[in-house]
Amino acid sequence: MKSFLLLLALSLVTVDAAVQVQNNALPNPKLFGLRFSGAGGEFIGKTELVGSVALQKYVTATFEITELNIDLTGIHTQLRIYSSEPLKSSSVLPGDRNVVTNPLDRLNPKLTGKLNKLVYKDYPVTTHAKTLEFKVASQADLVDLHAQIRNRWIGATNPGLGRTLFTVP
């Protein structure tokens, strides 16, 4: 019952999602690809190396993150795709933490639009060795991408991952 409710909730979130899926877009049946048109970037990987597909949500000191992780077996690389929304300055974190002071409050407004499309790193705090990172602007697009990849990988949707290209706005 919980699985059904989770799938129902995810389907409701993806109504406005705009992920494009192209079957037979790649000539090699052992490959699949991801294209990120908003920020630029592309990933092509072997379907046989996908070891896991996971979607999670969490909160950092300044952001609410929705993250899709695809573990690539045997090459010690993880593919990480996420969307982030800044917490409001008035947000209160659990535990004994105080009110969040969001660094985005101090940014030039001309730059904040770019943050929706580009991976944000604060070295050395956010350095992730052996992690390929991409960012998408919309949580709905990320949830839809997860569902598309997951369903093809587990065989719930035909065709499978092979030759498929997923394009995210």
C-alpha atoms as a PDB file:
ATOM      1  CA  MET A   1       0.000   0.000   0.000  1.00  0.00           C
ATOM      2  CA  LYS A   2       2.857   2.375   0.842  1.00  0.00           C
ATOM      3  CA  SER A   3       4.455   1.711  -2.559  1.00  0.00           C
ATOM      4  CA  PHE A   4       1.199   2.519  -4.307  1.00  0.00           C
ATOM      5  CA  LEU A   5       0.833   5.790  -2.399  1.00  0.00           C
ATOM      6  CA  LEU A   6       4.445   6.742  -3.169  1.00  0.00           C
ATOM      7  CA  LEU A   7       3.948   6.077  -6.882  1.00  0.00           C
ATOM      8  CA  LEU A   8       0.701   8.042  -6.820  1.00  0.00           C
ATOM      9  CA  ALA A   9       2.400  10.983  -5.107  1.00  0.00           C
ATOM     10  CA  LEU A  10       5.295  10.918  -7.583  1.00  0.00           C
ATOM     11  CA  SER A  11       2.910  10.827 -10.525  1.00  0.00           C
ATOM     12  CA  LEU A  12       1.096  13.874  -9.207  1.00  0.00           C
ATOM     13  CA  VAL A  13       4.357  15.792  -8.875  1.00  0.00           C
ATOM     14  CA  THR A  14       5.428  15.024 -12.451  1.00  0.00           C
ATOM     15  CA  VAL A  15       2.361  16.463 -14.181  1.00  0.00           C
ATOM     16  CA  ASP A  16       4.236  19.586 -15.305  1.00  0.00           C
ATOM     17  CA  ALA A  17       7.529  17.830 -15.985  1.00  0.00           C
ATOM     18  CA  ALA A  18       9.060  18.266 -19.399  1.00  0.00           C
ATOM     19  CA  VAL A  19      11.662  15.476 -19.682  1.00  0.00           C
ATOM     20  CA  GLN A  20      11.886  14.274 -23.277  1.00  0.00           C
ATOM     21  CA  VAL A  21      12.586  10.604 -23.922  1.00  0.00           C
ATOM     22  CA  GLN A  22      13.904   9.485 -27.303  1.00  0.00           C
ATOM     23  CA  ASN A  23      13.915   5.764 -28.040  1.00  0.00           C
ATOM     24  CA  ASN A  24      16.608   4.475 -30.414  1.00  0.00           C
ATOM     25  CA  ALA A  25      18.458   7.797 -30.209  1.00  0.00           C
ATOM     26  CA  LEU A  26      21.852   6.124 -29.788  1.00  0.00           C
ATOM     27  CA  PRO A  27      23.261   3.606 -32.286  1.00  0.00           C
ATOM     28  CA  ASN A  28      24.718   1.296 -29.615  1.00  0.00           C
ATOM     29  CA  PRO A  29      22.066  -0.784 -27.780  1.00  0.00           C
ATOM     30  CA  LYS A  30      24.353  -1.036 -24.717  1.00  0.00           C
ATOM     31  CA  LEU A  31      24.367   2.730 -24.095  1.00  0.00           C
ATOM     32  CA  PHE A  32      21.956   5.295 -22.681  1.00  0.00           C
ATOM     33  CA  GLY A  33      22.333   9.045 -22.449  1.00  0.00           C
ATOM     34  CA  LEU A  34      21.303  12.103 -20.490  1.00  0.00           C
ATOM     35  CA  ARG A  35      21.321  15.601 -21.940  1.00  0.00           C
ATOM     36  CA  PHE A  36      20.917  18.704 -19.779  1.00  0.00           C
ATOM     37  CA  SER A  37      19.789  21.500 -22.063  1.00  0.00           C
ATOM     38  CA  GLY A  38      19.337  24.153 -19.351  1.00  0.00           C
ATOM     39  CA  ALA A  39      22.930  24.306 -18.127  1.00  0.00           C
ATOM     40  CA  GLY A  40      24.544  22.294 -20.869  1.00  0.00           C
ATOM     41  CA  GLY A  41      26.173  18.957 -20.345  1.00  0.00           C
ATOM     42  CA  GLU A  42      25.720  15.381 -21.380  1.00  0.00           C
ATOM     43  CA  PHE A  43      26.324  11.899 -20.014  1.00  0.00           C
ATOM     44  CA  ILE A  44      26.550   8.682 -22.025  1.00  0.00           C
ATOM     45  CA  GLY A  45      26.873   5.444 -20.047  1.00  0.00           C
ATOM     46  CA  LYS A  46      26.723   1.687 -20.388  1.00  0.00           C
ATOM     47  CA  THR A  47      23.391   0.226 -19.311  1.00  0.00           C
ATOM     48  CA  GLU A  48      25.105  -2.865 -17.894  1.00  0.00           C
ATOM     49  CA  LEU A  49      27.016  -0.704 -15.375  1.00  0.00           C
ATOM     50  CA  VAL A  50      23.914   0.751 -13.710  1.00  0.00           C
ATOM     51  CA  GLY A  51      24.017  -0.777 -10.250  1.00  0.00           C
ATOM     52  CA  SER A  52      21.325   1.280  -8.564  1.00  0.00           C
ATOM     53  CA  VAL A  53      18.924   4.149  -9.155  1.00  0.00           C
ATOM     54  CA  ALA A  54      17.887   6.186  -6.118  1.00  0.00           C
ATOM     55  CA  LEU A  55      15.872   9.323  -5.392  1.00  0.00           C
ATOM     56  CA  GLN A  56      16.128  11.163  -2.080  1.00  0.00           C
ATOM     57  CA  LYS A  57      15.342  14.478  -0.439  1.00  0.00           C
ATOM     58  CA  TYR A  58      17.355  16.204   2.257  1.00  0.00           C
ATOM     59  CA  VAL A  59      18.075  19.605   3.749  1.00  0.00           C
ATOM     60  CA  THR A  60      21.448  21.304   4.092  1.00  0.00           C
ATOM     61  CA  ALA A  61      22.115  24.465   6.076  1.00  0.00           C
ATOM     62  CA  THR A  62      20.797  26.596   3.207  1.00  0.00           C
ATOM     63  CA  PHE A  63      19.017  24.357   0.659  1.00  0.00           C
ATOM     64  CA  GLU A  64      16.325  21.720   0.278  1.00  0.00           C
ATOM     65  CA  ILE A  65      17.801  19.173  -2.120  1.00  0.00           C
ATOM     66  CA  THR A  66      16.091  16.554  -4.282  1.00  0.00           C
ATOM     67  CA  GLU A  67      18.739  14.190  -5.613  1.00  0.00           C
ATOM     68  CA  LEU A  68      18.820  11.370  -8.152  1.00  0.00           C
ATOM     69  CA  ASN A  69      21.810   9.049  -7.825  1.00  0.00           C
ATOM     70  CA  ILE A  70      22.810   6.442 -10.380  1.00  0.00           C
ATOM     71  CA  ASP A  71      25.589   4.181  -9.182  1.00  0.00           C
ATOM     72  CA  LEU A  72      27.836   2.954 -11.962  1.00  0.00           C
ATOM     73  CA  THR A  73      29.209  -0.431 -10.922  1.00  0.00           C
ATOM     74  CA  GLY A  74      32.838  -1.299 -11.459  1.00  0.00           C
ATOM     75  CA  ILE A  75      34.124   2.178 -12.285  1.00  0.00           C
ATOM     76  CA  HIS A  76      33.834   3.810  -8.856  1.00  0.00           C
ATOM     77  CA  THR A  77      31.788   6.676 -10.248  1.00  0.00           C
ATOM     78  CA  GLN A  78      28.399   7.874  -9.178  1.00  0.00           C
ATOM     79  CA  LEU A  79      26.136  10.026 -11.300  1.00  0.00           C
ATOM     80  CA  ARG A  80      24.408  12.689  -9.189  1.00  0.00           C
ATOM     81  CA  ILE A  81      21.621  14.870 -10.570  1.00  0.00           C
ATOM     82  CA  TYR A  82      19.851  17.264  -8.291  1.00  0.00           C
ATOM     83  CA  SER A  83      17.587  20.254  -7.943  1.00  0.00           C
ATOM     84  CA  SER A  84      17.814  22.649  -5.041  1.00  0.00           C
ATOM     85  CA  GLU A  85      15.627  25.300  -3.555  1.00  0.00           C
ATOM     86  CA  PRO A  86      17.044  27.818  -1.098  1.00  0.00           C
ATOM     87  CA  LEU A  87      15.621  27.723   2.373  1.00  0.00           C
ATOM     88  CA  LYS A  88      14.089  30.981   3.466  1.00  0.00           C
ATOM     89  CA  SER A  89      16.100  33.014   5.943  1.00  0.00           C
ATOM     90  CA  SER A  90      13.336  32.411   8.462  1.00  0.00           C
ATOM     91  CA  SER A  91      13.568  28.615   8.209  1.00  0.00           C
ATOM     92  CA  VAL A  92      14.410  26.824  11.423  1.00  0.00           C
ATOM     93  CA  LEU A  93      16.380  23.602  11.302  1.00  0.00           C
ATOM     94  CA  PRO A  94      15.669  20.702  13.669  1.00  0.00           C
ATOM     95  CA  GLY A  95      17.682  20.258  16.825  1.00  0.00           C
ATOM     96  CA  ASP A  96      19.613  23.025  18.465  1.00  0.00           C
ATOM     97  CA  ARG A  97      20.437  24.957  15.285  1.00  0.00           C
ATOM     98  CA  ASN A  98      19.392  28.577  15.012  1.00  0.00           C
ATOM     99  CA  VAL A  99      17.584  30.360  12.210  1.00  0.00           C
ATOM    100  CA  VAL A 100      19.217  29.754   8.826  1.00  0.00           C
ATOM    101  CA  THR A 101      21.338  32.536   7.425  1.00  0.00           C
ATOM    102  CA  ASN A 102      21.124  31.959   3.708  1.00  0.00           C
ATOM    103  CA  PRO A 103      24.140  33.142   1.677  1.00  0.00           C
ATOM    104  CA  LEU A 104      21.838  33.593  -1.331  1.00  0.00           C
ATOM    105  CA  ASP A 105      20.323  36.581   0.472  1.00  0.00           C
ATOM    106  CA  ARG A 106      23.621  38.378  -0.165  1.00  0.00           C
ATOM    107  CA  LEU A 107      24.012  37.440  -3.845  1.00  0.00           C
ATOM    108  CA  ASN A 108      23.532  39.770  -6.736  1.00  0.00           C
ATOM    109  CA  PRO A 109      19.982  39.136  -8.082  1.00  0.00           C
ATOM    110  CA  LYS A 110      21.432  38.809 -11.604  1.00  0.00           C
ATOM    111  CA  LEU A 111      23.295  35.678 -10.507  1.00  0.00           C
ATOM    112  CA  THR A 112      20.517  33.856  -8.676  1.00  0.00           C
ATOM    113  CA  GLY A 113      18.791  32.701 -11.890  1.00  0.00           C
ATOM    114  CA  LYS A 114      21.977  30.904 -12.950  1.00  0.00           C
ATOM    115  CA  LEU A 115      22.044  28.950  -9.682  1.00  0.00           C
ATOM    116  CA  ASN A 116      18.962  27.016 -10.798  1.00  0.00           C
ATOM    117  CA  LYS A 117      20.928  25.562 -13.698  1.00  0.00           C
ATOM    118  CA  LEU A 118      24.519  25.219 -12.513  1.00  0.00           C
ATOM    119  CA  VAL A 119      26.068  22.894  -9.937  1.00  0.00           C
ATOM    120  CA  TYR A 120      27.095  24.900  -6.865  1.00  0.00           C
ATOM    121  CA  LYS A 121      30.329  23.951  -5.154  1.00  0.00           C
ATOM    122  CA  ASP A 122      31.959  25.507  -2.142  1.00  0.00           C
ATOM    123  CA  TYR A 123      35.438  24.018  -2.047  1.00  0.00           C
ATOM    124  CA  PRO A 124      36.468  22.052  -0.076  1.00  0.00           C
ATOM    125  CA  VAL A 125      33.085  21.545   1.615  1.00  0.00           C
ATOM    126  CA  THR A 126      31.250  20.229  -1.465  1.00  0.00           C
ATOM    127  CA  THR A 127      34.056  18.378  -3.207  1.00  0.00           C
ATOM    128  CA  HIS A 128      32.840  14.935  -4.233  1.00  0.00           C
ATOM    129  CA  ALA A 129      35.608  12.831  -5.703  1.00  0.00           C
ATOM    130  CA  LYS A 130      34.516  10.400  -8.400  1.00  0.00           C
ATOM    131  CA  THR A 131      31.067  11.989  -8.677  1.00  0.00           C
ATOM    132  CA  LEU A 132      29.637  13.339 -11.911  1.00  0.00           C
ATOM    133  CA  GLU A 133      27.230  16.135 -11.003  1.00  0.00           C
ATOM    134  CA  PHE A 134      24.463  17.798 -12.954  1.00  0.00           C
ATOM    135  CA  LYS A 135      21.773  20.157 -11.783  1.00  0.00           C
ATOM    136  CA  VAL A 136      18.255  20.729 -13.080  1.00  0.00           C
ATOM    137  CA  ALA A 137      16.073  23.710 -12.277  1.00  0.00           C
ATOM    138  CA  SER A 138      12.825  21.851 -11.649  1.00  0.00           C
ATOM    139  CA  GLN A 139      12.131  19.286  -8.941  1.00  0.00           C
ATOM    140  CA  ALA A 140       9.279  17.966 -11.101  1.00  0.00           C
ATOM    141  CA  ASP A 141      11.693  17.317 -13.983  1.00  0.00           C
ATOM    142  CA  LEU A 142      14.066  15.472 -11.663  1.00  0.00           C
ATOM    143  CA  VAL A 143      11.304  13.259 -10.252  1.00  0.00           C
ATOM    144  CA  ASP A 144      10.091  12.545 -13.793  1.00  0.00           C
ATOM    145  CA  LEU A 145      13.631  11.701 -14.934  1.00  0.00           C
ATOM    146  CA  HIS A 146      13.978   9.284 -12.014  1.00  0.00           C
ATOM    147  CA  ALA A 147      10.693   7.568 -12.904  1.00  0.00           C
ATOM    148  CA  GLN A 148      11.638   7.276 -16.589  1.00  0.00           C
ATOM    149  CA  ILE A 149      15.100   5.817 -15.863  1.00  0.00           C
ATOM    150  CA  ARG A 150      13.884   3.571 -13.037  1.00  0.00           C
ATOM    151  CA  ASN A 151      11.005   2.096 -15.024  1.00  0.00           C
ATOM    152  CA  ARG A 152      13.192   1.322 -18.022  1.00  0.00           C
ATOM    153  CA  TRP A 153      15.996  -0.079 -15.865  1.00  0.00           C
ATOM    154  CA  ILE A 154      13.730  -2.485 -13.936  1.00  0.00           C
ATOM    155  CA  GLY A 155      11.872  -3.537 -17.095  1.00  0.00           C
ATOM    156  CA  ALA A 156       8.533  -1.916 -16.246  1.00  0.00           C
ATOM    157  CA  THR A 157       8.630   0.149 -19.442  1.00  0.00           C
ATOM    158  CA  ASN A 158       9.643  -1.003 -22.912  1.00  0.00           C
ATOM    159  CA  PRO A 159      12.014  -0.428 -24.480  1.00  0.00           C
ATOM    160  CA  GLY A 160      14.630  -0.591 -21.719  1.00  0.00           C
ATOM    161  CA  LEU A 161      17.508   1.809 -21.128  1.00  0.00           C
ATOM    162  CA  GLY A 162      19.508   0.787 -24.195  1.00  0.00           C
ATOM    163  CA  ARG A 163      19.695   3.421 -26.959  1.00  0.00           C
ATOM    164  CA  THR A 164      17.524   5.809 -24.924  1.00  0.00           C
ATOM    165  CA  LEU A 165      18.341   9.504 -24.621  1.00  0.00           C
ATOM    166  CA  PHE A 166      16.711  11.519 -21.834  1.00  0.00           C
ATOM    167  CA  THR A 167      16.732  15.277 -22.318  1.00  0.00           C
ATOM    168  CA  VAL A 168      16.072  17.473 -19.287  1.00  0.00           C
ATOM    169  CA  PRO A 169      15.250  21.183 -19.701  1.00  0.00           C
END
